[in-house]
Amino acid sequence: VDNDLVEEEDLLAAKFRTRFRLPYDNFKELVEECKKSPFFRRWHGTDAAKKPSSPIELLVLGALRYLGRGWTFDDLEESNKLFDY
C-alpha cells in the first residue's frame, strides 16, 4: 500500500530524530515529565511583569540541541526565539 501520509510522517519523524537526537515520542514524554517537575514551575505562568513564560517545549528542544549538537545559548536564542516570546 502506497500511503503518502505515512511516508510523510516517517520523514518528519526521521528529521526530528536527526535534529534533536531523540525520537518524537520520547520528546513528548520528556516534556510531560518537565511539566510535572517542581523544577519547572516558573514556566507555568507569567513573570513579575505579567509576561508569559516561554513554552516548556521550546526549552526542552533548546536543551536537546545544546546537548546533542553543541550549540551555544546564543544559537538557541536565535533559532527558537526564546526571549522574544
Protein backbone atom coordinates (compact mmCIF):
# COMPACT_ATOMS: atom_id res chain seq x y z
CA VAL A 1 0.00 0.00 0.00
CA ASP A 2 1.39 3.36 -1.01
CA ASN A 3 0.35 5.92 1.60
CA ASP A 4 1.83 9.41 1.23
CA LEU A 5 0.71 10.44 4.72
CA VAL A 6 2.57 7.56 6.37
CA GLU A 7 5.67 8.30 4.29
CA GLU A 8 5.50 11.98 5.24
CA GLU A 9 5.14 11.10 8.94
CA ASP A 10 8.14 8.78 8.67
CA LEU A 11 10.19 11.54 7.04
CA LEU A 12 9.19 14.07 9.70
CA ALA A 13 10.00 11.57 12.48
CA ALA A 14 13.41 10.88 10.96
CA LYS A 15 14.08 14.60 10.58
CA PHE A 16 13.12 15.26 14.21
CA ARG A 17 15.36 12.43 15.43
CA THR A 18 18.27 13.72 13.35
CA ARG A 19 17.88 17.28 14.57
CA PHE A 20 17.26 16.59 18.24
CA ARG A 21 18.86 13.14 18.74
CA LEU A 22 15.66 11.78 20.26
CA PRO A 23 12.51 10.17 18.85
CA TYR A 24 9.48 12.47 18.90
CA ASP A 25 7.52 10.20 21.26
CA ASN A 26 10.37 10.36 23.79
CA PHE A 27 10.42 14.14 23.42
CA LYS A 28 6.70 14.31 24.29
CA GLU A 29 7.32 12.11 27.36
CA LEU A 30 10.20 14.34 28.44
CA VAL A 31 8.05 17.45 28.10
CA GLU A 32 5.32 15.88 30.25
CA GLU A 33 7.87 14.99 32.92
CA CYS A 34 9.15 18.57 32.89
CA LYS A 35 5.63 19.93 33.24
CA LYS A 36 5.13 17.77 36.35
CA SER A 37 8.50 18.61 37.89
CA PRO A 38 8.76 21.30 40.59
CA PHE A 39 11.99 22.45 38.94
CA PHE A 40 9.98 23.86 36.03
CA ARG A 41 7.26 25.65 38.00
CA ARG A 42 8.43 29.06 36.80
CA TRP A 43 7.44 28.10 33.24
CA HIS A 44 3.80 27.56 34.17
CA GLY A 45 2.65 31.15 34.21
CA THR A 46 3.95 34.68 33.92
CA ASP A 47 6.91 36.61 35.28
CA ALA A 48 6.76 39.65 37.57
CA ALA A 49 5.89 41.88 34.59
CA LYS A 50 3.00 39.54 33.68
CA LYS A 51 4.83 38.41 30.55
CA PRO A 52 4.05 34.75 29.73
CA SER A 53 6.84 32.24 30.14
CA SER A 54 8.38 30.54 27.14
CA PRO A 55 6.73 27.21 26.38
CA ILE A 56 8.44 24.28 28.07
CA GLU A 57 8.55 22.55 24.69
CA LEU A 58 10.91 25.21 23.34
CA LEU A 59 13.10 24.96 26.41
CA VAL A 60 13.36 21.19 26.04
CA LEU A 61 14.13 21.49 22.32
CA GLY A 62 16.82 24.03 23.13
CA ALA A 63 18.34 21.75 25.75
CA LEU A 64 18.37 18.85 23.27
CA ARG A 65 20.13 21.00 20.67
CA TYR A 66 22.61 22.20 23.28
CA LEU A 67 23.40 18.65 24.41
CA GLY A 68 23.15 16.88 21.05
CA ARG A 69 24.78 19.37 18.76
CA GLY A 70 26.99 21.54 20.93
CA TRP A 71 25.08 24.72 20.21
CA THR A 72 25.70 27.81 22.30
CA PHE A 73 22.93 29.52 24.24
CA ASP A 74 23.10 32.38 21.75
CA ASP A 75 22.45 29.90 18.91
CA LEU A 76 19.44 28.60 20.82
CA GLU A 77 18.02 32.06 21.39
CA GLU A 78 18.35 32.91 17.71
CA SER A 79 16.81 29.69 16.42
CA ASN A 80 13.97 29.33 18.93
CA LYS A 81 13.24 32.99 19.67
CA LEU A 82 13.03 32.06 23.36
CA PHE A 83 13.47 35.60 24.56
CA ASP A 84 11.18 37.22 22.01
CA TYR A 85 8.14 35.46 23.42
